Amino acid sequence: MDVLTGLKTLKIAKAYELDGETIYHYPASLKEINRCKPVYEEFPGWDEDITGVRNFEDLPVNAQNYVNRLAELVGVDIATFSVGPDRTQTNVLIDAWQDTDAKEATH
């Protein structure tokens, strides 16, 4: 996410316009892809240095909103986010190696 710092506006392509119709899937044919125009949702960026962030709540609100919307659009929880190239700058939100069935059974 550090590479997004300083951008005034961030865009997420959430759909495509194909021949005047909005579609929410990636077209299967090259002919359709060539006629598609992305439909963007825009978000305000952030200027704060996030390279030292170690948990999601310490990200700037605009960064949190961006990540939350990505998760909402793809329908998957965000497991990790990185704020720099070093291993220690990768923040784990969900342990992908944890067996969810076993985890639920212990609660």
PDB file of N, CA and C in Angstrom:
ATOM      1  N   MET A   1       0.810  -1.193   0.000  1.00  0.00           N
ATOM      2  CA  MET A   1       0.000   0.000   0.000  1.00  0.00           C
ATOM      3  C   MET A   1       0.855   1.259   0.000  1.00  0.00           C
ATOM      4  N   ASP A   2       2.117   1.124   0.399  1.00  0.00           N
ATOM      5  CA  ASP A   2       2.999   2.285   0.442  1.00  0.00           C
ATOM      6  C   ASP A   2       3.152   2.952  -0.913  1.00  0.00           C
ATOM      7  N   VAL A   3       3.054   2.181  -1.982  1.00  0.00           N
ATOM      8  CA  VAL A   3       3.207   2.757  -3.316  1.00  0.00           C
ATOM      9  C   VAL A   3       2.006   3.622  -3.711  1.00  0.00           C
ATOM     10  N   LEU A   4       0.909   3.507  -2.981  1.00  0.00           N
ATOM     11  CA  LEU A   4      -0.276   4.323  -3.257  1.00  0.00           C
ATOM     12  C   LEU A   4      -0.240   5.659  -2.518  1.00  0.00           C
ATOM     13  N   THR A   5       0.632   5.752  -1.507  1.00  0.00           N
ATOM     14  CA  THR A   5       0.756   6.992  -0.741  1.00  0.00           C
ATOM     15  C   THR A   5       1.131   8.146  -1.661  1.00  0.00           C
ATOM     16  N   GLY A   6       0.436   9.248  -1.505  1.00  0.00           N
ATOM     17  CA  GLY A   6       0.724  10.445  -2.298  1.00  0.00           C
ATOM     18  C   GLY A   6      -0.176  10.611  -3.505  1.00  0.00           C
ATOM     19  N   LEU A   7      -0.902   9.553  -3.875  1.00  0.00           N
ATOM     20  CA  LEU A   7      -1.854   9.698  -4.974  1.00  0.00           C
ATOM     21  C   LEU A   7      -3.068  10.463  -4.471  1.00  0.00           C
ATOM     22  N   LYS A   8      -3.490  11.448  -5.212  1.00  0.00           N
ATOM     23  CA  LYS A   8      -4.635  12.266  -4.793  1.00  0.00           C
ATOM     24  C   LYS A   8      -5.947  11.490  -4.865  1.00  0.00           C
ATOM     25  N   THR A   9      -6.063  10.647  -5.891  1.00  0.00           N
ATOM     26  CA  THR A   9      -7.280   9.859  -6.098  1.00  0.00           C
ATOM     27  C   THR A   9      -6.894   8.431  -6.449  1.00  0.00           C
ATOM     28  N   LEU A  10      -7.596   7.471  -5.877  1.00  0.00           N
ATOM     29  CA  LEU A  10      -7.420   6.060  -6.206  1.00  0.00           C
ATOM     30  C   LEU A  10      -8.677   5.583  -6.902  1.00  0.00           C
ATOM     31  N   LYS A  11      -8.505   4.723  -7.877  1.00  0.00           N
ATOM     32  CA  LYS A  11      -9.652   4.211  -8.629  1.00  0.00           C
ATOM     33  C   LYS A  11      -9.707   2.695  -8.524  1.00  0.00           C
ATOM     34  N   ILE A  12     -10.925   2.184  -8.452  1.00  0.00           N
ATOM     35  CA  ILE A  12     -11.171   0.749  -8.518  1.00  0.00           C
ATOM     36  C   ILE A  12     -12.127   0.535  -9.684  1.00  0.00           C
ATOM     37  N   ALA A  13     -11.732  -0.308 -10.631  1.00  0.00           N
ATOM     38  CA  ALA A  13     -12.639  -0.669 -11.721  1.00  0.00           C
ATOM     39  C   ALA A  13     -13.611  -1.701 -11.161  1.00  0.00           C
ATOM     40  N   LYS A  14     -14.869  -1.302 -11.011  1.00  0.00           N
ATOM     41  CA  LYS A  14     -15.845  -2.195 -10.377  1.00  0.00           C
ATOM     42  C   LYS A  14     -16.803  -2.839 -11.372  1.00  0.00           C
ATOM     43  N   ALA A  15     -16.729  -2.411 -12.627  1.00  0.00           N
ATOM     44  CA  ALA A  15     -17.591  -2.967 -13.668  1.00  0.00           C
ATOM     45  C   ALA A  15     -17.024  -2.523 -15.016  1.00  0.00           C
ATOM     46  N   TYR A  16     -17.691  -2.967 -16.068  1.00  0.00           N
ATOM     47  CA  TYR A  16     -17.339  -2.553 -17.420  1.00  0.00           C
ATOM     48  C   TYR A  16     -18.607  -2.128 -18.147  1.00  0.00           C
ATOM     49  N   GLU A  17     -18.438  -1.181 -19.042  1.00  0.00           N
ATOM     50  CA  GLU A  17     -19.542  -0.815 -19.926  1.00  0.00           C
ATOM     51  C   GLU A  17     -19.263  -1.475 -21.268  1.00  0.00           C
ATOM     52  N   LEU A  18     -20.199  -2.299 -21.698  1.00  0.00           N
ATOM     53  CA  LEU A  18     -20.070  -3.025 -22.951  1.00  0.00           C
ATOM     54  C   LEU A  18     -21.288  -2.743 -23.808  1.00  0.00           C
ATOM     55  N   ASP A  19     -21.080  -2.022 -24.886  1.00  0.00           N
ATOM     56  CA  ASP A  19     -22.165  -1.687 -25.815  1.00  0.00           C
ATOM     57  C   ASP A  19     -23.347  -1.027 -25.090  1.00  0.00           C
ATOM     58  N   GLY A  20     -23.033  -0.121 -24.166  1.00  0.00           N
ATOM     59  CA  GLY A  20     -24.074   0.619 -23.453  1.00  0.00           C
ATOM     60  C   GLY A  20     -24.661  -0.095 -22.252  1.00  0.00           C
ATOM     61  N   GLU A  21     -24.210  -1.320 -21.973  1.00  0.00           N
ATOM     62  CA  GLU A  21     -24.723  -2.091 -20.845  1.00  0.00           C
ATOM     63  C   GLU A  21     -23.612  -2.258 -19.804  1.00  0.00           C
ATOM     64  N   THR A  22     -23.954  -2.139 -18.527  1.00  0.00           N
ATOM     65  CA  THR A  22     -22.987  -2.341 -17.458  1.00  0.00           C
ATOM     66  C   THR A  22     -22.926  -3.825 -17.125  1.00  0.00           C
ATOM     67  N   ILE A  23     -21.706  -4.365 -17.168  1.00  0.00           N
ATOM     68  CA  ILE A  23     -21.506  -5.770 -16.807  1.00  0.00           C
ATOM     69  C   ILE A  23     -20.543  -5.848 -15.625  1.00  0.00           C
ATOM     70  N   TYR A  24     -20.675  -6.880 -14.811  1.00  0.00           N
ATOM     71  CA  TYR A  24     -19.864  -7.022 -13.598  1.00  0.00           C
ATOM     72  C   TYR A  24     -18.939  -8.229 -13.665  1.00  0.00           C
ATOM     73  N   HIS A  25     -18.681  -8.715 -14.843  1.00  0.00           N
ATOM     74  CA  HIS A  25     -17.748  -9.821 -15.040  1.00  0.00           C
ATOM     75  C   HIS A  25     -16.739  -9.425 -16.119  1.00  0.00           C
ATOM     76  N   TYR A  26     -15.631 -10.118 -16.131  1.00  0.00           N
ATOM     77  CA  TYR A  26     -14.613  -9.871 -17.156  1.00  0.00           C
ATOM     78  C   TYR A  26     -15.020 -10.634 -18.405  1.00  0.00           C
ATOM     79  N   PRO A  27     -15.139  -9.965 -19.518  1.00  0.00           N
ATOM     80  CA  PRO A  27     -15.577 -10.634 -20.745  1.00  0.00           C
ATOM     81  C   PRO A  27     -14.641 -11.772 -21.152  1.00  0.00           C
ATOM     82  N   ALA A  28     -15.223 -12.803 -21.730  1.00  0.00           N
ATOM     83  CA  ALA A  28     -14.460 -13.990 -22.103  1.00  0.00           C
ATOM     84  C   ALA A  28     -13.793 -13.856 -23.475  1.00  0.00           C
ATOM     85  N   SER A  29     -14.278 -12.966 -24.310  1.00  0.00           N
ATOM     86  CA  SER A  29     -13.711 -12.872 -25.662  1.00  0.00           C
ATOM     87  C   SER A  29     -12.947 -11.566 -25.861  1.00  0.00           C
ATOM     88  N   LEU A  30     -11.913 -11.642 -26.685  1.00  0.00           N
ATOM     89  CA  LEU A  30     -11.126 -10.448 -26.998  1.00  0.00           C
ATOM     90  C   LEU A  30     -11.963  -9.399 -27.720  1.00  0.00           C
ATOM     91  N   LYS A  31     -12.908  -9.829 -28.530  1.00  0.00           N
ATOM     92  CA  LYS A  31     -13.772  -8.878 -29.235  1.00  0.00           C
ATOM     93  C   LYS A  31     -14.558  -8.037 -28.235  1.00  0.00           C
ATOM     94  N   GLU A  32     -15.087  -8.679 -27.189  1.00  0.00           N
ATOM     95  CA  GLU A  32     -15.843  -7.936 -26.166  1.00  0.00           C
ATOM     96  C   GLU A  32     -14.920  -7.057 -25.336  1.00  0.00           C
ATOM     97  N   ILE A  33     -13.776  -7.574 -24.960  1.00  0.00           N
ATOM     98  CA  ILE A  33     -12.825  -6.809 -24.147  1.00  0.00           C
ATOM     99  C   ILE A  33     -12.439  -5.515 -24.858  1.00  0.00           C
ATOM    100  N   ASN A  34     -12.211  -5.589 -26.151  1.00  0.00           N
ATOM    101  CA  ASN A  34     -11.828  -4.397 -26.923  1.00  0.00           C
ATOM    102  C   ASN A  34     -12.931  -3.345 -26.965  1.00  0.00           C
ATOM    103  N   ARG A  35     -14.167  -3.742 -26.738  1.00  0.00           N
ATOM    104  CA  ARG A  35     -15.286  -2.791 -26.740  1.00  0.00           C
ATOM    105  C   ARG A  35     -15.637  -2.308 -25.328  1.00  0.00           C
ATOM    106  N   CYS A  36     -14.962  -2.831 -24.324  1.00  0.00           N
ATOM    107  CA  CYS A  36     -15.279  -2.482 -22.938  1.00  0.00           C
ATOM    108  C   CYS A  36     -14.619  -1.185 -22.495  1.00  0.00           C
ATOM    109  N   LYS A  37     -15.323  -0.498 -21.628  1.00  0.00           N
ATOM    110  CA  LYS A  37     -14.807   0.700 -20.981  1.00  0.00           C
ATOM    111  C   LYS A  37     -14.976   0.479 -19.475  1.00  0.00           C
ATOM    112  N   PRO A  38     -13.902   0.631 -18.677  1.00  0.00           N
ATOM    113  CA  PRO A  38     -14.034   0.393 -17.240  1.00  0.00           C
ATOM    114  C   PRO A  38     -14.936   1.431 -16.571  1.00  0.00           C
ATOM    115  N   VAL A  39     -15.657   0.981 -15.566  1.00  0.00           N
ATOM    116  CA  VAL A  39     -16.479   1.853 -14.726  1.00  0.00           C
ATOM    117  C   VAL A  39     -15.739   1.939 -13.393  1.00  0.00           C
ATOM    118  N   TYR A  40     -15.289   3.140 -13.049  1.00  0.00           N
ATOM    119  CA  TYR A  40     -14.460   3.327 -11.864  1.00  0.00           C
ATOM    120  C   TYR A  40     -15.251   3.869 -10.685  1.00  0.00           C
ATOM    121  N   GLU A  41     -14.820   3.452  -9.503  1.00  0.00           N
ATOM    122  CA  GLU A  41     -15.248   4.075  -8.255  1.00  0.00           C
ATOM    123  C   GLU A  41     -13.999   4.778  -7.730  1.00  0.00           C
ATOM    124  N   GLU A  42     -14.131   6.046  -7.369  1.00  0.00           N
ATOM    125  CA  GLU A  42     -12.967   6.829  -6.947  1.00  0.00           C
ATOM    126  C   GLU A  42     -12.958   7.050  -5.446  1.00  0.00           C
ATOM    127  N   PHE A  43     -11.732   7.087  -4.900  1.00  0.00           N
ATOM    128  CA  PHE A  43     -11.524   7.291  -3.469  1.00  0.00           C
ATOM    129  C   PHE A  43     -10.448   8.342  -3.259  1.00  0.00           C
ATOM    130  N   PRO A  44     -10.571   9.151  -2.212  1.00  0.00           N
ATOM    131  CA  PRO A  44      -9.494  10.090  -1.908  1.00  0.00           C
ATOM    132  C   PRO A  44      -8.267   9.331  -1.409  1.00  0.00           C
ATOM    133  N   GLY A  45      -7.095   9.808  -1.799  1.00  0.00           N
ATOM    134  CA  GLY A  45      -5.853   9.179  -1.375  1.00  0.00           C
ATOM    135  C   GLY A  45      -5.409   9.666  -0.005  1.00  0.00           C
ATOM    136  N   TRP A  46      -4.159   9.402   0.332  1.00  0.00           N
ATOM    137  CA  TRP A  46      -3.587   9.823   1.605  1.00  0.00           C
ATOM    138  C   TRP A  46      -2.138  10.214   1.382  1.00  0.00           C
ATOM    139  N   ASP A  47      -1.634  11.073   2.254  1.00  0.00           N
ATOM    140  CA  ASP A  47      -0.249  11.532   2.171  1.00  0.00           C
ATOM    141  C   ASP A  47       0.596  11.065   3.346  1.00  0.00           C
ATOM    142  N   GLU A  48      -0.031  10.495   4.365  1.00  0.00           N
ATOM    143  CA  GLU A  48       0.697  10.065   5.561  1.00  0.00           C
ATOM    144  C   GLU A  48       1.672   8.935   5.242  1.00  0.00           C
ATOM    145  N   ASP A  49       2.815   8.939   5.934  1.00  0.00           N
ATOM    146  CA  ASP A  49       3.788   7.858   5.795  1.00  0.00           C
ATOM    147  C   ASP A  49       3.240   6.634   6.524  1.00  0.00           C
ATOM    148  N   ILE A  50       3.018   5.557   5.798  1.00  0.00           N
ATOM    149  CA  ILE A  50       2.440   4.361   6.413  1.00  0.00           C
ATOM    150  C   ILE A  50       3.465   3.240   6.578  1.00  0.00           C
ATOM    151  N   THR A  51       4.725   3.495   6.260  1.00  0.00           N
ATOM    152  CA  THR A  51       5.733   2.440   6.247  1.00  0.00           C
ATOM    153  C   THR A  51       5.986   1.822   7.627  1.00  0.00           C
ATOM    154  N   GLY A  52       5.575   2.499   8.695  1.00  0.00           N
ATOM    155  CA  GLY A  52       5.751   1.944  10.040  1.00  0.00           C
ATOM    156  C   GLY A  52       4.482   1.347  10.629  1.00  0.00           C
ATOM    157  N   VAL A  53       3.402   1.331   9.875  1.00  0.00           N
ATOM    158  CA  VAL A  53       2.114   0.827  10.367  1.00  0.00           C
ATOM    159  C   VAL A  53       2.203  -0.671  10.628  1.00  0.00           C
ATOM    160  N   ARG A  54       1.696  -1.092  11.786  1.00  0.00           N
ATOM    161  CA  ARG A  54       1.743  -2.501  12.164  1.00  0.00           C
ATOM    162  C   ARG A  54       0.368  -3.114  12.394  1.00  0.00           C
ATOM    163  N   ASN A  55      -0.696  -2.320  12.263  1.00  0.00           N
ATOM    164  CA  ASN A  55      -2.043  -2.883  12.335  1.00  0.00           C
ATOM    165  C   ASN A  55      -2.997  -2.020  11.519  1.00  0.00           C
ATOM    166  N   PHE A  56      -4.089  -2.630  11.110  1.00  0.00           N
ATOM    167  CA  PHE A  56      -5.027  -2.000  10.196  1.00  0.00           C
ATOM    168  C   PHE A  56      -5.564  -0.674  10.742  1.00  0.00           C
ATOM    169  N   GLU A  57      -5.846  -0.623  12.024  1.00  0.00           N
ATOM    170  CA  GLU A  57      -6.433   0.572  12.632  1.00  0.00           C
ATOM    171  C   GLU A  57      -5.507   1.781  12.596  1.00  0.00           C
ATOM    172  N   ASP A  58      -4.198   1.550  12.406  1.00  0.00           N
ATOM    173  CA  ASP A  58      -3.246   2.657  12.351  1.00  0.00           C
ATOM    174  C   ASP A  58      -3.068   3.224  10.938  1.00  0.00           C
ATOM    175  N   LEU A  59      -3.686   2.578   9.946  1.00  0.00           N
ATOM    176  CA  LEU A  59      -3.663   3.147   8.596  1.00  0.00           C
ATOM    177  C   LEU A  59      -4.493   4.424   8.571  1.00  0.00           C
ATOM    178  N   PRO A  60      -4.186   5.365   7.695  1.00  0.00           N
ATOM    179  CA  PRO A  60      -5.050   6.536   7.528  1.00  0.00           C
ATOM    180  C   PRO A  60      -6.468   6.075   7.159  1.00  0.00           C
ATOM    181  N   VAL A  61      -7.460   6.840   7.567  1.00  0.00           N
ATOM    182  CA  VAL A  61      -8.852   6.473   7.315  1.00  0.00           C
ATOM    183  C   VAL A  61      -9.109   6.244   5.833  1.00  0.00           C
ATOM    184  N   ASN A  62      -8.533   7.072   4.975  1.00  0.00           N
ATOM    185  CA  ASN A  62      -8.742   6.899   3.534  1.00  0.00           C
ATOM    186  C   ASN A  62      -8.178   5.560   3.048  1.00  0.00           C
ATOM    187  N   ALA A  63      -7.056   5.125   3.613  1.00  0.00           N
ATOM    188  CA  ALA A  63      -6.475   3.829   3.248  1.00  0.00           C
ATOM    189  C   ALA A  63      -7.377   2.696   3.750  1.00  0.00           C
ATOM    190  N   GLN A  64      -7.888   2.832   4.959  1.00  0.00           N
ATOM    191  CA  GLN A  64      -8.806   1.822   5.497  1.00  0.00           C
ATOM    192  C   GLN A  64     -10.060   1.713   4.625  1.00  0.00           C
ATOM    193  N   ASN A  65     -10.600   2.850   4.236  1.00  0.00           N
ATOM    194  CA  ASN A  65     -11.802   2.846   3.398  1.00  0.00           C
ATOM    195  C   ASN A  65     -11.547   2.166   2.059  1.00  0.00           C
ATOM    196  N   TYR A  66     -10.388   2.426   1.475  1.00  0.00           N
ATOM    197  CA  TYR A  66     -10.020   1.822   0.196  1.00  0.00           C
ATOM    198  C   TYR A  66      -9.942   0.292   0.327  1.00  0.00           C
ATOM    199  N   VAL A  67      -9.241  -0.184   1.337  1.00  0.00           N
ATOM    200  CA  VAL A  67      -9.092  -1.631   1.550  1.00  0.00           C
ATOM    201  C   VAL A  67     -10.445  -2.277   1.850  1.00  0.00           C
ATOM    202  N   ASN A  68     -11.234  -1.634   2.689  1.00  0.00           N
ATOM    203  CA  ASN A  68     -12.552  -2.189   3.020  1.00  0.00           C
ATOM    204  C   ASN A  68     -13.444  -2.295   1.786  1.00  0.00           C
ATOM    205  N   ARG A  69     -13.368  -1.306   0.904  1.00  0.00           N
ATOM    206  CA  ARG A  69     -14.197  -1.353  -0.301  1.00  0.00           C
ATOM    207  C   ARG A  69     -13.713  -2.445  -1.251  1.00  0.00           C
ATOM    208  N   LEU A  70     -12.402  -2.622  -1.368  1.00  0.00           N
ATOM    209  CA  LEU A  70     -11.875  -3.716  -2.188  1.00  0.00           C
ATOM    210  C   LEU A  70     -12.415  -5.059  -1.691  1.00  0.00           C
ATOM    211  N   ALA A  71     -12.357  -5.260  -0.379  1.00  0.00           N
ATOM    212  CA  ALA A  71     -12.855  -6.511   0.208  1.00  0.00           C
ATOM    213  C   ALA A  71     -14.340  -6.692  -0.072  1.00  0.00           C
ATOM    214  N   GLU A  72     -15.085  -5.613   0.044  1.00  0.00           N
ATOM    215  CA  GLU A  72     -16.524  -5.665  -0.214  1.00  0.00           C
ATOM    216  C   GLU A  72     -16.814  -6.024  -1.672  1.00  0.00           C
ATOM    217  N   LEU A  73     -16.097  -5.422  -2.592  1.00  0.00           N
ATOM    218  CA  LEU A  73     -16.332  -5.669  -4.018  1.00  0.00           C
ATOM    219  C   LEU A  73     -15.987  -7.095  -4.432  1.00  0.00           C
ATOM    220  N   VAL A  74     -14.905  -7.641  -3.898  1.00  0.00           N
ATOM    221  CA  VAL A  74     -14.505  -8.994  -4.289  1.00  0.00           C
ATOM    222  C   VAL A  74     -15.150 -10.063  -3.411  1.00  0.00           C
ATOM    223  N   GLY A  75     -15.747  -9.649  -2.302  1.00  0.00           N
ATOM    224  CA  GLY A  75     -16.442 -10.594  -1.439  1.00  0.00           C
ATOM    225  C   GLY A  75     -15.522 -11.501  -0.644  1.00  0.00           C
ATOM    226  N   VAL A  76     -14.312 -11.008  -0.354  1.00  0.00           N
ATOM    227  CA  VAL A  76     -13.331 -11.793   0.382  1.00  0.00           C
ATOM    228  C   VAL A  76     -12.683 -10.886   1.427  1.00  0.00           C
ATOM    229  N   ASP A  77     -12.490 -11.417   2.633  1.00  0.00           N
ATOM    230  CA  ASP A  77     -11.785 -10.655   3.655  1.00  0.00           C
ATOM    231  C   ASP A  77     -10.327 -10.473   3.243  1.00  0.00           C
ATOM    232  N   ILE A  78      -9.754  -9.338   3.584  1.00  0.00           N
ATOM    233  CA  ILE A  78      -8.345  -9.074   3.299  1.00  0.00           C
ATOM    234  C   ILE A  78      -7.515  -9.785   4.367  1.00  0.00           C
ATOM    235  N   ALA A  79      -6.603 -10.647   3.936  1.00  0.00           N
ATOM    236  CA  ALA A  79      -5.790 -11.435   4.866  1.00  0.00           C
ATOM    237  C   ALA A  79      -4.503 -10.712   5.254  1.00  0.00           C
ATOM    238  N   THR A  80      -3.907  -9.985   4.317  1.00  0.00           N
ATOM    239  CA  THR A  80      -2.659  -9.274   4.594  1.00  0.00           C
ATOM    240  C   THR A  80      -2.646  -7.940   3.865  1.00  0.00           C
ATOM    241  N   PHE A  81      -1.848  -7.024   4.374  1.00  0.00           N
ATOM    242  CA  PHE A  81      -1.537  -5.811   3.625  1.00  0.00           C
ATOM    243  C   PHE A  81      -0.094  -5.446   3.928  1.00  0.00           C
ATOM    244  N   SER A  82       0.562  -4.881   2.936  1.00  0.00           N
ATOM    245  CA  SER A  82       1.964  -4.544   3.068  1.00  0.00           C
ATOM    246  C   SER A  82       2.148  -3.036   2.962  1.00  0.00           C
ATOM    247  N   VAL A  83       3.056  -2.520   3.782  1.00  0.00           N
ATOM    248  CA  VAL A  83       3.328  -1.086   3.775  1.00  0.00           C
ATOM    249  C   VAL A  83       4.771  -0.793   3.363  1.00  0.00           C
ATOM    250  N   GLY A  84       5.423  -1.791   2.776  1.00  0.00           N
ATOM    251  CA  GLY A  84       6.793  -1.626   2.318  1.00  0.00           C
ATOM    252  C   GLY A  84       7.369  -2.949   1.868  1.00  0.00           C
ATOM    253  N   PRO A  85       8.610  -2.932   1.375  1.00  0.00           N
ATOM    254  CA  PRO A  85       9.211  -4.126   0.796  1.00  0.00           C
ATOM    255  C   PRO A  85       9.764  -5.134   1.810  1.00  0.00           C
ATOM    256  N   ASP A  86       9.950  -4.719   3.050  1.00  0.00           N
ATOM    257  CA  ASP A  86      10.536  -5.603   4.048  1.00  0.00           C
ATOM    258  C   ASP A  86       9.498  -6.585   4.587  1.00  0.00           C
ATOM    259  N   ARG A  87       9.985  -7.769   4.937  1.00  0.00           N
ATOM    260  CA  ARG A  87       9.067  -8.773   5.498  1.00  0.00           C
ATOM    261  C   ARG A  87       8.305  -8.249   6.707  1.00  0.00           C
ATOM    262  N   THR A  88       8.971  -7.467   7.523  1.00  0.00           N
ATOM    263  CA  THR A  88       8.323  -6.950   8.733  1.00  0.00           C
ATOM    264  C   THR A  88       7.242  -5.928   8.415  1.00  0.00           C
ATOM    265  N   GLN A  89       7.152  -5.500   7.172  1.00  0.00           N
ATOM    266  CA  GLN A  89       6.147  -4.526   6.771  1.00  0.00           C
ATOM    267  C   GLN A  89       4.897  -5.182   6.185  1.00  0.00           C
ATOM    268  N   THR A  90       4.860  -6.504   6.227  1.00  0.00           N
ATOM    269  CA  THR A  90       3.661  -7.231   5.819  1.00  0.00           C
ATOM    270  C   THR A  90       2.844  -7.513   7.069  1.00  0.00           C
ATOM    271  N   ASN A  91       1.638  -7.013   7.089  1.00  0.00           N
ATOM    272  CA  ASN A  91       0.753  -7.149   8.237  1.00  0.00           C
ATOM    273  C   ASN A  91      -0.279  -8.239   7.968  1.00  0.00           C
ATOM    274  N   VAL A  92      -0.353  -9.207   8.860  1.00  0.00           N
ATOM    275  CA  VAL A  92      -1.275 -10.329   8.714  1.00  0.00           C
ATOM    276  C   VAL A  92      -2.535 -10.037   9.526  1.00  0.00           C
ATOM    277  N   LEU A  93      -3.666  -9.999   8.825  1.00  0.00           N
ATOM    278  CA  LEU A  93      -4.954  -9.778   9.476  1.00  0.00           C
ATOM    279  C   LEU A  93      -5.670 -11.098   9.755  1.00  0.00           C
ATOM    280  N   ILE A  94      -5.487 -12.055   8.853  1.00  0.00           N
ATOM    281  CA  ILE A  94      -6.098 -13.371   8.981  1.00  0.00           C
ATOM    282  C   ILE A  94      -5.021 -14.401   8.707  1.00  0.00           C
ATOM    283  N   ASP A  95      -4.854 -15.342   9.605  1.00  0.00           N
ATOM    284  CA  ASP A  95      -3.871 -16.401   9.407  1.00  0.00           C
ATOM    285  C   ASP A  95      -4.405 -17.371   8.361  1.00  0.00           C
ATOM    286  N   ALA A  96      -3.869 -17.305   7.165  1.00  0.00           N
ATOM    287  CA  ALA A  96      -4.342 -18.143   6.062  1.00  0.00           C
ATOM    288  C   ALA A  96      -4.051 -19.616   6.288  1.00  0.00           C
ATOM    289  N   TRP A  97      -3.138 -19.933   7.175  1.00  0.00           N
ATOM    290  CA  TRP A  97      -2.773 -21.325   7.433  1.00  0.00           C
ATOM    291  C   TRP A  97      -3.590 -21.927   8.569  1.00  0.00           C
ATOM    292  N   GLN A  98      -4.362 -21.099   9.235  1.00  0.00           N
ATOM    293  CA  GLN A  98      -5.207 -21.588  10.328  1.00  0.00           C
ATOM    294  C   GLN A  98      -6.401 -22.341   9.743  1.00  0.00           C
ATOM    295  N   ASP A  99      -6.654 -23.539  10.221  1.00  0.00           N
ATOM    296  CA  ASP A  99      -7.805 -24.332   9.785  1.00  0.00           C
ATOM    297  C   ASP A  99      -9.049 -23.698  10.390  1.00  0.00           C
ATOM    298  N   THR A 100      -9.904 -23.126   9.535  1.00  0.00           N
ATOM    299  CA  THR A 100     -11.083 -22.415  10.040  1.00  0.00           C
ATOM    300  C   THR A 100     -12.047 -23.345  10.752  1.00  0.00           C
ATOM    301  N   ASP A 101     -12.161 -24.613  10.319  1.00  0.00           N
ATOM    302  CA  ASP A 101     -13.049 -25.561  10.992  1.00  0.00           C
ATOM    303  C   ASP A 101     -12.546 -25.859  12.399  1.00  0.00           C
ATOM    304  N   ALA A 102     -11.239 -26.054  12.524  1.00  0.00           N
ATOM    305  CA  ALA A 102     -10.649 -26.318  13.821  1.00  0.00           C
ATOM    306  C   ALA A 102     -10.758 -25.094  14.721  1.00  0.00           C
ATOM    307  N   LYS A 103     -10.575 -23.937  14.131  1.00  0.00           N
ATOM    308  CA  LYS A 103     -10.668 -22.674  14.882  1.00  0.00           C
ATOM    309  C   LYS A 103     -12.063 -22.491  15.437  1.00  0.00           C
ATOM    310  N   GLU A 104     -13.094 -22.758  14.598  1.00  0.00           N
ATOM    311  CA  GLU A 104     -14.475 -22.614  15.039  1.00  0.00           C
ATOM    312  C   GLU A 104     -14.823 -23.640  16.111  1.00  0.00           C
ATOM    313  N   ALA A 105     -14.250 -24.815  16.026  1.00  0.00           N
ATOM    314  CA  ALA A 105     -14.550 -25.864  16.993  1.00  0.00           C
ATOM    315  C   ALA A 105     -13.997 -25.531  18.375  1.00  0.00           C
ATOM    316  N   THR A 106     -12.977 -24.688  18.444  1.00  0.00           N
ATOM    317  CA  THR A 106     -12.379 -24.347  19.731  1.00  0.00           C
ATOM    318  C   THR A 106     -13.113 -23.198  20.410  1.00  0.00           C
ATOM    319  N   HIS A 107     -14.057 -22.574  19.727  1.00  0.00           N
ATOM    320  CA  HIS A 107     -14.781 -21.426  20.315  1.00  0.00           C
ATOM    321  C   HIS A 107     -16.112 -21.819  20.838  1.00  0.00           C
TER     322      HIS A 107
END
